[in-house]
Amino acid sequence: MNPSKINISELPSVELEMRAQLPKTPCIYFAINSWVEVQYIGQSINPRKRWLRHHRYKKLSKMEGSRIAWLKVSCRDLLPEVEKALIDWFKPPLAETYCHYE
């Protein structure tokens, strides 16, 4: 996967408040602001469940127009590797280096 080929604005997304509509399949998720700037990147095998109690929700909800976009990853074993590559590429300000498997 080449991170430079990913256009965040073309990925499926939902408003932060509509996070219950996120998919239940393995993916990398991107928390973005109204200017489509990546603020946070994470991974989950069930992003819908993950975002119902995400530790970044409160901070992101204060940002106008926050959305969650996602990129499906067919092999869940690749999630950590893909997440790391995307964090290295986008350098989101709220990034952390640990992984979540939910």
PDB file of N, CA and C in Angstrom:
ATOM      1  N   MET A   1       0.837  -1.178   0.000  1.00  0.00           N
ATOM      2  CA  MET A   1       0.000   0.000   0.000  1.00  0.00           C
ATOM      3  C   MET A   1       0.884   1.243   0.000  1.00  0.00           C
ATOM      4  N   ASN A   2       0.548   2.157  -0.858  1.00  0.00           N
ATOM      5  CA  ASN A   2       1.296   3.403  -0.963  1.00  0.00           C
ATOM      6  C   ASN A   2       0.469   4.526  -0.347  1.00  0.00           C
ATOM      7  N   PRO A   3       0.860   5.042   0.830  1.00  0.00           N
ATOM      8  CA  PRO A   3       0.079   6.088   1.495  1.00  0.00           C
ATOM      9  C   PRO A   3      -0.120   7.347   0.646  1.00  0.00           C
ATOM     10  N   SER A   4       0.822   7.642  -0.226  1.00  0.00           N
ATOM     11  CA  SER A   4       0.691   8.854  -1.043  1.00  0.00           C
ATOM     12  C   SER A   4      -0.468   8.756  -2.031  1.00  0.00           C
ATOM     13  N   LYS A   5      -0.951   7.545  -2.282  1.00  0.00           N
ATOM     14  CA  LYS A   5      -2.060   7.341  -3.225  1.00  0.00           C
ATOM     15  C   LYS A   5      -3.435   7.440  -2.547  1.00  0.00           C
ATOM     16  N   ILE A   6      -3.464   7.582  -1.229  1.00  0.00           N
ATOM     17  CA  ILE A   6      -4.731   7.641  -0.513  1.00  0.00           C
ATOM     18  C   ILE A   6      -5.244   9.072  -0.480  1.00  0.00           C
ATOM     19  N   ASN A   7      -6.444   9.254  -1.008  1.00  0.00           N
ATOM     20  CA  ASN A   7      -7.101  10.550  -0.968  1.00  0.00           C
ATOM     21  C   ASN A   7      -8.181  10.464   0.117  1.00  0.00           C
ATOM     22  N   ILE A   8      -7.913  11.075   1.248  1.00  0.00           N
ATOM     23  CA  ILE A   8      -8.818  10.976   2.395  1.00  0.00           C
ATOM     24  C   ILE A   8     -10.228  11.439   2.051  1.00  0.00           C
ATOM     25  N   SER A   9     -10.341  12.476   1.241  1.00  0.00           N
ATOM     26  CA  SER A   9     -11.668  13.007   0.915  1.00  0.00           C
ATOM     27  C   SER A   9     -12.501  12.042   0.063  1.00  0.00           C
ATOM     28  N   GLU A  10     -11.868  11.030  -0.525  1.00  0.00           N
ATOM     29  CA  GLU A  10     -12.589  10.045  -1.338  1.00  0.00           C
ATOM     30  C   GLU A  10     -12.977   8.788  -0.554  1.00  0.00           C
ATOM     31  N   LEU A  11     -12.502   8.676   0.676  1.00  0.00           N
ATOM     32  CA  LEU A  11     -12.844   7.512   1.502  1.00  0.00           C
ATOM     33  C   LEU A  11     -14.260   7.662   2.049  1.00  0.00           C
ATOM     34  N   PRO A  12     -14.934   6.537   2.307  1.00  0.00           N
ATOM     35  CA  PRO A  12     -16.239   6.644   2.965  1.00  0.00           C
ATOM     36  C   PRO A  12     -16.037   7.262   4.348  1.00  0.00           C
ATOM     37  N   SER A  13     -17.012   8.032   4.797  1.00  0.00           N
ATOM     38  CA  SER A  13     -16.892   8.673   6.105  1.00  0.00           C
ATOM     39  C   SER A  13     -18.271   8.991   6.675  1.00  0.00           C
ATOM     40  N   VAL A  14     -18.294   9.238   7.970  1.00  0.00           N
ATOM     41  CA  VAL A  14     -19.496   9.677   8.665  1.00  0.00           C
ATOM     42  C   VAL A  14     -19.114  10.810   9.610  1.00  0.00           C
ATOM     43  N   GLU A  15     -20.093  11.647   9.920  1.00  0.00           N
ATOM     44  CA  GLU A  15     -19.868  12.672  10.931  1.00  0.00           C
ATOM     45  C   GLU A  15     -19.568  11.983  12.251  1.00  0.00           C
ATOM     46  N   LEU A  16     -18.766  12.628  13.064  1.00  0.00           N
ATOM     47  CA  LEU A  16     -18.368  12.047  14.343  1.00  0.00           C
ATOM     48  C   LEU A  16     -19.585  11.622  15.172  1.00  0.00           C
ATOM     49  N   GLU A  17     -20.615  12.438  15.171  1.00  0.00           N
ATOM     50  CA  GLU A  17     -21.818  12.133  15.950  1.00  0.00           C
ATOM     51  C   GLU A  17     -22.562  10.906  15.411  1.00  0.00           C
ATOM     52  N   MET A  18     -22.296  10.535  14.173  1.00  0.00           N
ATOM     53  CA  MET A  18     -22.956   9.390  13.541  1.00  0.00           C
ATOM     54  C   MET A  18     -22.062   8.148  13.584  1.00  0.00           C
ATOM     55  N   ARG A  19     -21.155   8.093  14.521  1.00  0.00           N
ATOM     56  CA  ARG A  19     -20.157   7.012  14.600  1.00  0.00           C
ATOM     57  C   ARG A  19     -20.781   5.625  14.734  1.00  0.00           C
ATOM     58  N   ALA A  20     -22.026   5.545  15.165  1.00  0.00           N
ATOM     59  CA  ALA A  20     -22.704   4.249  15.252  1.00  0.00           C
ATOM     60  C   ALA A  20     -22.960   3.654  13.866  1.00  0.00           C
ATOM     61  N   GLN A  21     -22.736   4.421  12.815  1.00  0.00           N
ATOM     62  CA  GLN A  21     -22.910   3.933  11.447  1.00  0.00           C
ATOM     63  C   GLN A  21     -21.597   3.431  10.831  1.00  0.00           C
ATOM     64  N   LEU A  22     -20.536   3.446  11.603  1.00  0.00           N
ATOM     65  CA  LEU A  22     -19.268   2.925  11.102  1.00  0.00           C
ATOM     66  C   LEU A  22     -19.391   1.432  10.806  1.00  0.00           C
ATOM     67  N   PRO A  23     -18.545   0.917   9.926  1.00  0.00           N
ATOM     68  CA  PRO A  23     -18.603  -0.521   9.623  1.00  0.00           C
ATOM     69  C   PRO A  23     -18.109  -1.362  10.798  1.00  0.00           C
ATOM     70  N   LYS A  24     -18.390  -2.646  10.714  1.00  0.00           N
ATOM     71  CA  LYS A  24     -17.949  -3.605  11.739  1.00  0.00           C
ATOM     72  C   LYS A  24     -16.843  -4.496  11.184  1.00  0.00           C
ATOM     73  N   THR A  25     -16.135  -4.035  10.187  1.00  0.00           N
ATOM     74  CA  THR A  25     -15.093  -4.830   9.541  1.00  0.00           C
ATOM     75  C   THR A  25     -13.722  -4.214   9.793  1.00  0.00           C
ATOM     76  N   PRO A  26     -12.660  -5.012   9.728  1.00  0.00           N
ATOM     77  CA  PRO A  26     -11.323  -4.486   9.981  1.00  0.00           C
ATOM     78  C   PRO A  26     -10.994  -3.305   9.064  1.00  0.00           C
ATOM     79  N   CYS A  27     -10.479  -2.260   9.683  1.00  0.00           N
ATOM     80  CA  CYS A  27     -10.107  -1.088   8.887  1.00  0.00           C
ATOM     81  C   CYS A  27      -9.153  -0.189   9.658  1.00  0.00           C
ATOM     82  N   ILE A  28      -8.603   0.718   8.915  1.00  0.00           N
ATOM     83  CA  ILE A  28      -7.867   1.843   9.467  1.00  0.00           C
ATOM     84  C   ILE A  28      -8.850   3.002   9.440  1.00  0.00           C
ATOM     85  N   TYR A  29      -8.937   3.742  10.532  1.00  0.00           N
ATOM     86  CA  TYR A  29      -9.845   4.885  10.544  1.00  0.00           C
ATOM     87  C   TYR A  29      -9.048   6.179  10.702  1.00  0.00           C
ATOM     88  N   PHE A  30      -9.604   7.229  10.140  1.00  0.00           N
ATOM     89  CA  PHE A  30      -8.989   8.548  10.130  1.00  0.00           C
ATOM     90  C   PHE A  30      -9.985   9.532  10.744  1.00  0.00           C
ATOM     91  N   ALA A  31      -9.613  10.188  11.819  1.00  0.00           N
ATOM     92  CA  ALA A  31     -10.432  11.272  12.345  1.00  0.00           C
ATOM     93  C   ALA A  31      -9.942  12.532  11.628  1.00  0.00           C
ATOM     94  N   ILE A  32     -10.865  13.201  10.961  1.00  0.00           N
ATOM     95  CA  ILE A  32     -10.498  14.366  10.157  1.00  0.00           C
ATOM     96  C   ILE A  32     -11.336  15.569  10.579  1.00  0.00           C
ATOM     97  N   ASN A  33     -10.794  16.753  10.334  1.00  0.00           N
ATOM     98  CA  ASN A  33     -11.546  17.964  10.658  1.00  0.00           C
ATOM     99  C   ASN A  33     -12.272  18.463   9.408  1.00  0.00           C
ATOM    100  N   SER A  34     -12.899  19.612   9.511  1.00  0.00           N
ATOM    101  CA  SER A  34     -13.707  20.129   8.399  1.00  0.00           C
ATOM    102  C   SER A  34     -12.871  20.492   7.175  1.00  0.00           C
ATOM    103  N   TRP A  35     -11.567  20.643   7.334  1.00  0.00           N
ATOM    104  CA  TRP A  35     -10.667  20.923   6.203  1.00  0.00           C
ATOM    105  C   TRP A  35     -10.046  19.641   5.657  1.00  0.00           C
ATOM    106  N   VAL A  36     -10.554  18.501   6.091  1.00  0.00           N
ATOM    107  CA  VAL A  36     -10.086  17.168   5.707  1.00  0.00           C
ATOM    108  C   VAL A  36      -8.605  16.995   6.056  1.00  0.00           C
ATOM    109  N   GLU A  37      -8.222  17.547   7.184  1.00  0.00           N
ATOM    110  CA  GLU A  37      -6.878  17.341   7.720  1.00  0.00           C
ATOM    111  C   GLU A  37      -6.953  16.190   8.714  1.00  0.00           C
ATOM    112  N   VAL A  38      -6.080  15.235   8.564  1.00  0.00           N
ATOM    113  CA  VAL A  38      -6.073  14.062   9.436  1.00  0.00           C
ATOM    114  C   VAL A  38      -5.576  14.474  10.817  1.00  0.00           C
ATOM    115  N   GLN A  39      -6.402  14.219  11.821  1.00  0.00           N
ATOM    116  CA  GLN A  39      -6.062  14.544  13.202  1.00  0.00           C
ATOM    117  C   GLN A  39      -5.616  13.311  13.985  1.00  0.00           C
ATOM    118  N   TYR A  40      -6.130  12.151  13.579  1.00  0.00           N
ATOM    119  CA  TYR A  40      -5.843  10.925  14.314  1.00  0.00           C
ATOM    120  C   TYR A  40      -6.015   9.745  13.367  1.00  0.00           C
ATOM    121  N   ILE A  41      -5.199   8.733  13.537  1.00  0.00           N
ATOM    122  CA  ILE A  41      -5.302   7.498  12.761  1.00  0.00           C
ATOM    123  C   ILE A  41      -5.262   6.339  13.743  1.00  0.00           C
ATOM    124  N   GLY A  42      -6.122   5.385  13.529  1.00  0.00           N
ATOM    125  CA  GLY A  42      -6.143   4.200  14.378  1.00  0.00           C
ATOM    126  C   GLY A  42      -6.581   2.991  13.573  1.00  0.00           C
ATOM    127  N   GLN A  43      -6.662   1.878  14.248  1.00  0.00           N
ATOM    128  CA  GLN A  43      -7.062   0.629  13.608  1.00  0.00           C
ATOM    129  C   GLN A  43      -8.039  -0.092  14.515  1.00  0.00           C
ATOM    130  N   SER A  44      -8.867  -0.897  13.926  1.00  0.00           N
ATOM    131  CA  SER A  44      -9.788  -1.708  14.714  1.00  0.00           C
ATOM    132  C   SER A  44     -10.362  -2.816  13.850  1.00  0.00           C
ATOM    133  N   ILE A  45     -10.653  -3.950  14.477  1.00  0.00           N
ATOM    134  CA  ILE A  45     -11.358  -5.001  13.749  1.00  0.00           C
ATOM    135  C   ILE A  45     -12.861  -4.725  13.763  1.00  0.00           C
ATOM    136  N   ASN A  46     -13.311  -3.794  14.634  1.00  0.00           N
ATOM    137  CA  ASN A  46     -14.700  -3.369  14.687  1.00  0.00           C
ATOM    138  C   ASN A  46     -14.734  -1.881  15.053  1.00  0.00           C
ATOM    139  N   PRO A  47     -14.560  -1.003  14.077  1.00  0.00           N
ATOM    140  CA  PRO A  47     -14.508   0.435  14.377  1.00  0.00           C
ATOM    141  C   PRO A  47     -15.804   0.984  14.975  1.00  0.00           C
ATOM    142  N   ARG A  48     -16.935   0.399  14.625  1.00  0.00           N
ATOM    143  CA  ARG A  48     -18.196   0.874  15.222  1.00  0.00           C
ATOM    144  C   ARG A  48     -18.140   0.728  16.735  1.00  0.00           C
ATOM    145  N   LYS A  49     -17.764  -0.446  17.198  1.00  0.00           N
ATOM    146  CA  LYS A  49     -17.652  -0.692  18.642  1.00  0.00           C
ATOM    147  C   LYS A  49     -16.565   0.181  19.258  1.00  0.00           C
ATOM    148  N   ARG A  50     -15.457   0.275  18.576  1.00  0.00           N
ATOM    149  CA  ARG A  50     -14.329   1.067  19.084  1.00  0.00           C
ATOM    150  C   ARG A  50     -14.715   2.522  19.315  1.00  0.00           C
ATOM    151  N   TRP A  51     -15.444   3.110  18.382  1.00  0.00           N
ATOM    152  CA  TRP A  51     -15.768   4.536  18.471  1.00  0.00           C
ATOM    153  C   TRP A  51     -16.932   4.833  19.409  1.00  0.00           C
ATOM    154  N   LEU A  52     -17.646   3.852  19.877  1.00  0.00           N
ATOM    155  CA  LEU A  52     -18.703   4.135  20.841  1.00  0.00           C
ATOM    156  C   LEU A  52     -18.134   4.600  22.173  1.00  0.00           C
ATOM    157  N   ARG A  53     -16.842   4.284  22.412  1.00  0.00           N
ATOM    158  CA  ARG A  53     -16.198   4.728  23.658  1.00  0.00           C
ATOM    159  C   ARG A  53     -14.738   5.154  23.421  1.00  0.00           C
ATOM    160  N   HIS A  54     -14.470   5.734  22.295  1.00  0.00           N
ATOM    161  CA  HIS A  54     -13.092   6.089  21.934  1.00  0.00           C
ATOM    162  C   HIS A  54     -12.542   7.200  22.831  1.00  0.00           C
ATOM    163  N   HIS A  55     -11.308   7.060  23.239  1.00  0.00           N
ATOM    164  CA  HIS A  55     -10.675   8.033  24.130  1.00  0.00           C
ATOM    165  C   HIS A  55     -10.445   9.392  23.469  1.00  0.00           C
ATOM    166  N   ARG A  56     -10.503   9.490  22.150  1.00  0.00           N
ATOM    167  CA  ARG A  56     -10.322  10.768  21.465  1.00  0.00           C
ATOM    168  C   ARG A  56     -11.640  11.453  21.096  1.00  0.00           C
ATOM    169  N   TYR A  57     -12.757  10.822  21.403  1.00  0.00           N
ATOM    170  CA  TYR A  57     -14.050  11.380  21.011  1.00  0.00           C
ATOM    171  C   TYR A  57     -14.266  12.787  21.573  1.00  0.00           C
ATOM    172  N   LYS A  58     -14.016  12.970  22.853  1.00  0.00           N
ATOM    173  CA  LYS A  58     -14.277  14.265  23.496  1.00  0.00           C
ATOM    174  C   LYS A  58     -13.476  15.384  22.828  1.00  0.00           C
ATOM    175  N   LYS A  59     -12.209  15.156  22.615  1.00  0.00           N
ATOM    176  CA  LYS A  59     -11.358  16.178  21.988  1.00  0.00           C
ATOM    177  C   LYS A  59     -11.801  16.443  20.550  1.00  0.00           C
ATOM    178  N   LEU A  60     -12.072  15.389  19.804  1.00  0.00           N
ATOM    179  CA  LEU A  60     -12.471  15.562  18.404  1.00  0.00           C
ATOM    180  C   LEU A  60     -13.847  16.200  18.273  1.00  0.00           C
ATOM    181  N   SER A  61     -14.733  15.959  19.235  1.00  0.00           N
ATOM    182  CA  SER A  61     -16.077  16.537  19.156  1.00  0.00           C
ATOM    183  C   SER A  61     -16.044  18.055  19.314  1.00  0.00           C
ATOM    184  N   LYS A  62     -14.962  18.588  19.836  1.00  0.00           N
ATOM    185  CA  LYS A  62     -14.809  20.040  19.972  1.00  0.00           C
ATOM    186  C   LYS A  62     -14.332  20.696  18.673  1.00  0.00           C
ATOM    187  N   MET A  63     -13.887  19.896  17.734  1.00  0.00           N
ATOM    188  CA  MET A  63     -13.424  20.400  16.440  1.00  0.00           C
ATOM    189  C   MET A  63     -14.607  20.458  15.480  1.00  0.00           C
ATOM    190  N   GLU A  64     -14.806  21.584  14.889  1.00  0.00           N
ATOM    191  CA  GLU A  64     -15.930  21.760  13.974  1.00  0.00           C
ATOM    192  C   GLU A  64     -15.828  20.829  12.767  1.00  0.00           C
ATOM    193  N   GLY A  65     -16.923  20.179  12.459  1.00  0.00           N
ATOM    194  CA  GLY A  65     -17.000  19.340  11.260  1.00  0.00           C
ATOM    195  C   GLY A  65     -16.219  18.048  11.306  1.00  0.00           C
ATOM    196  N   SER A  66     -15.928  17.537  12.493  1.00  0.00           N
ATOM    197  CA  SER A  66     -15.153  16.291  12.600  1.00  0.00           C
ATOM    198  C   SER A  66     -15.891  15.120  11.977  1.00  0.00           C
ATOM    199  N   ARG A  67     -15.127  14.293  11.295  1.00  0.00           N
ATOM    200  CA  ARG A  67     -15.654  13.101  10.633  1.00  0.00           C
ATOM    201  C   ARG A  67     -14.709  11.941  10.895  1.00  0.00           C
ATOM    202  N   ILE A  68     -15.207  10.750  10.655  1.00  0.00           N
ATOM    203  CA  ILE A  68     -14.372   9.555  10.706  1.00  0.00           C
ATOM    204  C   ILE A  68     -14.450   8.905   9.326  1.00  0.00           C
ATOM    205  N   ALA A  69     -13.316   8.806   8.693  1.00  0.00           N
ATOM    206  CA  ALA A  69     -13.225   8.123   7.399  1.00  0.00           C
ATOM    207  C   ALA A  69     -12.549   6.785   7.648  1.00  0.00           C
ATOM    208  N   TRP A  70     -12.725   5.848   6.730  1.00  0.00           N
ATOM    209  CA  TRP A  70     -12.104   4.542   6.937  1.00  0.00           C
ATOM    210  C   TRP A  70     -11.625   3.931   5.638  1.00  0.00           C
ATOM    211  N   LEU A  71     -10.646   3.065   5.823  1.00  0.00           N
ATOM    212  CA  LEU A  71     -10.041   2.313   4.732  1.00  0.00           C
ATOM    213  C   LEU A  71     -10.084   0.843   5.147  1.00  0.00           C
ATOM    214  N   LYS A  72     -10.875   0.041   4.445  1.00  0.00           N
ATOM    215  CA  LYS A  72     -10.979  -1.379   4.791  1.00  0.00           C
ATOM    216  C   LYS A  72      -9.656  -2.085   4.522  1.00  0.00           C
ATOM    217  N   VAL A  73      -9.324  -3.000   5.413  1.00  0.00           N
ATOM    218  CA  VAL A  73      -8.121  -3.818   5.285  1.00  0.00           C
ATOM    219  C   VAL A  73      -8.591  -5.263   5.315  1.00  0.00           C
ATOM    220  N   SER A  74      -8.378  -5.966   4.218  1.00  0.00           N
ATOM    221  CA  SER A  74      -8.935  -7.314   4.093  1.00  0.00           C
ATOM    222  C   SER A  74      -8.316  -8.320   5.053  1.00  0.00           C
ATOM    223  N   CYS A  75      -7.078  -8.128   5.415  1.00  0.00           N
ATOM    224  CA  CYS A  75      -6.401  -9.060   6.328  1.00  0.00           C
ATOM    225  C   CYS A  75      -6.104  -8.335   7.640  1.00  0.00           C
ATOM    226  N   ARG A  76      -6.787  -8.744   8.698  1.00  0.00           N
ATOM    227  CA  ARG A  76      -6.621  -8.045   9.971  1.00  0.00           C
ATOM    228  C   ARG A  76      -5.199  -8.118  10.511  1.00  0.00           C
ATOM    229  N   ASP A  77      -4.428  -9.116  10.101  1.00  0.00           N
ATOM    230  CA  ASP A  77      -3.033  -9.205  10.535  1.00  0.00           C
ATOM    231  C   ASP A  77      -2.185  -8.054   9.997  1.00  0.00           C
ATOM    232  N   LEU A  78      -2.663  -7.418   8.934  1.00  0.00           N
ATOM    233  CA  LEU A  78      -1.929  -6.294   8.345  1.00  0.00           C
ATOM    234  C   LEU A  78      -2.248  -4.948   8.995  1.00  0.00           C
ATOM    235  N   LEU A  79      -3.251  -4.913   9.843  1.00  0.00           N
ATOM    236  CA  LEU A  79      -3.668  -3.641  10.451  1.00  0.00           C
ATOM    237  C   LEU A  79      -2.520  -2.862  11.100  1.00  0.00           C
ATOM    238  N   PRO A  80      -1.712  -3.474  11.966  1.00  0.00           N
ATOM    239  CA  PRO A  80      -0.645  -2.709  12.605  1.00  0.00           C
ATOM    240  C   PRO A  80       0.356  -2.114  11.610  1.00  0.00           C
ATOM    241  N   GLU A  81       0.713  -2.898  10.616  1.00  0.00           N
ATOM    242  CA  GLU A  81       1.679  -2.440   9.616  1.00  0.00           C
ATOM    243  C   GLU A  81       1.115  -1.282   8.788  1.00  0.00           C
ATOM    244  N   VAL A  82      -0.126  -1.421   8.365  1.00  0.00           N
ATOM    245  CA  VAL A  82      -0.762  -0.369   7.566  1.00  0.00           C
ATOM    246  C   VAL A  82      -0.946   0.888   8.417  1.00  0.00           C
ATOM    247  N   GLU A  83      -1.401   0.713   9.650  1.00  0.00           N
ATOM    248  CA  GLU A  83      -1.577   1.861  10.545  1.00  0.00           C
ATOM    249  C   GLU A  83      -0.264   2.618  10.725  1.00  0.00           C
ATOM    250  N   LYS A  84       0.806   1.904  10.991  1.00  0.00           N
ATOM    251  CA  LYS A  84       2.105   2.554  11.195  1.00  0.00           C
ATOM    252  C   LYS A  84       2.533   3.330   9.952  1.00  0.00           C
ATOM    253  N   ALA A  85       2.390   2.721   8.781  1.00  0.00           N
ATOM    254  CA  ALA A  85       2.772   3.400   7.541  1.00  0.00           C
ATOM    255  C   ALA A  85       1.959   4.673   7.339  1.00  0.00           C
ATOM    256  N   LEU A  86       0.668   4.618   7.653  1.00  0.00           N
ATOM    257  CA  LEU A  86      -0.181   5.793   7.466  1.00  0.00           C
ATOM    258  C   LEU A  86       0.116   6.882   8.494  1.00  0.00           C
ATOM    259  N   ILE A  87       0.388   6.494   9.725  1.00  0.00           N
ATOM    260  CA  ILE A  87       0.775   7.483  10.736  1.00  0.00           C
ATOM    261  C   ILE A  87       2.094   8.145  10.339  1.00  0.00           C
ATOM    262  N   ASP A  88       3.042   7.352   9.878  1.00  0.00           N
ATOM    263  CA  ASP A  88       4.330   7.910   9.434  1.00  0.00           C
ATOM    264  C   ASP A  88       4.145   8.887   8.275  1.00  0.00           C
ATOM    265  N   TRP A  89       3.200   8.589   7.382  1.00  0.00           N
ATOM    266  CA  TRP A  89       2.977   9.434   6.206  1.00  0.00           C
ATOM    267  C   TRP A  89       2.209  10.716   6.558  1.00  0.00           C
ATOM    268  N   PHE A  90       1.078  10.561   7.260  1.00  0.00           N
ATOM    269  CA  PHE A  90       0.209  11.705   7.540  1.00  0.00           C
ATOM    270  C   PHE A  90       0.631  12.512   8.762  1.00  0.00           C
ATOM    271  N   LYS A  91       1.342  11.893   9.691  1.00  0.00           N
ATOM    272  CA  LYS A  91       1.798  12.543  10.915  1.00  0.00           C
ATOM    273  C   LYS A  91       0.668  13.309  11.628  1.00  0.00           C
ATOM    274  N   PRO A  92      -0.413  12.609  11.990  1.00  0.00           N
ATOM    275  CA  PRO A  92      -1.536  13.285  12.644  1.00  0.00           C
ATOM    276  C   PRO A  92      -1.146  13.815  14.027  1.00  0.00           C
ATOM    277  N   PRO A  93      -1.633  14.999  14.390  1.00  0.00           N
ATOM    278  CA  PRO A  93      -1.237  15.599  15.666  1.00  0.00           C
ATOM    279  C   PRO A  93      -1.688  14.828  16.903  1.00  0.00           C
ATOM    280  N   LEU A  94      -2.726  14.020  16.803  1.00  0.00           N
ATOM    281  CA  LEU A  94      -3.216  13.272  17.956  1.00  0.00           C
ATOM    282  C   LEU A  94      -2.785  11.805  17.917  1.00  0.00           C
ATOM    283  N   ALA A  95      -1.778  11.496  17.139  1.00  0.00           N
ATOM    284  CA  ALA A  95      -1.333  10.101  16.956  1.00  0.00           C
ATOM    285  C   ALA A  95      -0.727   9.541  18.231  1.00  0.00           C
ATOM    286  N   GLU A  96      -0.921   8.250  18.372  1.00  0.00           N
ATOM    287  CA  GLU A  96      -0.283   7.490  19.436  1.00  0.00           C
ATOM    288  C   GLU A  96       0.286   6.241  18.797  1.00  0.00           C
ATOM    289  N   THR A  97       1.191   5.613  19.460  1.00  0.00           N
ATOM    290  CA  THR A  97       1.877   4.493  18.833  1.00  0.00           C
ATOM    291  C   THR A  97       1.437   3.127  19.345  1.00  0.00           C
ATOM    292  N   TYR A  98       0.345   3.060  20.085  1.00  0.00           N
ATOM    293  CA  TYR A  98      -0.110   1.746  20.522  1.00  0.00           C
ATOM    294  C   TYR A  98      -1.309   1.312  19.703  1.00  0.00           C
ATOM    295  N   CYS A  99      -1.626   0.022  19.755  1.00  0.00           N
ATOM    296  CA  CYS A  99      -2.643  -0.572  18.902  1.00  0.00           C
ATOM    297  C   CYS A  99      -3.862  -1.002  19.715  1.00  0.00           C
ATOM    298  N   HIS A 100      -5.012  -0.987  19.041  1.00  0.00           N
ATOM    299  CA  HIS A 100      -6.262  -1.442  19.644  1.00  0.00           C
ATOM    300  C   HIS A 100      -6.843  -2.539  18.778  1.00  0.00           C
ATOM    301  N   TYR A 101      -7.284  -3.603  19.397  1.00  0.00           N
ATOM    302  CA  TYR A 101      -7.940  -4.694  18.666  1.00  0.00           C
ATOM    303  C   TYR A 101      -9.322  -4.915  19.238  1.00  0.00           C
ATOM    304  N   GLU A 102     -10.318  -4.260  18.683  1.00  0.00           N
ATOM    305  CA  GLU A 102     -11.692  -4.454  19.143  1.00  0.00           C
ATOM    306  C   GLU A 102     -12.576  -4.705  17.956  1.00  0.00           C
TER     307      GLU A 102
END
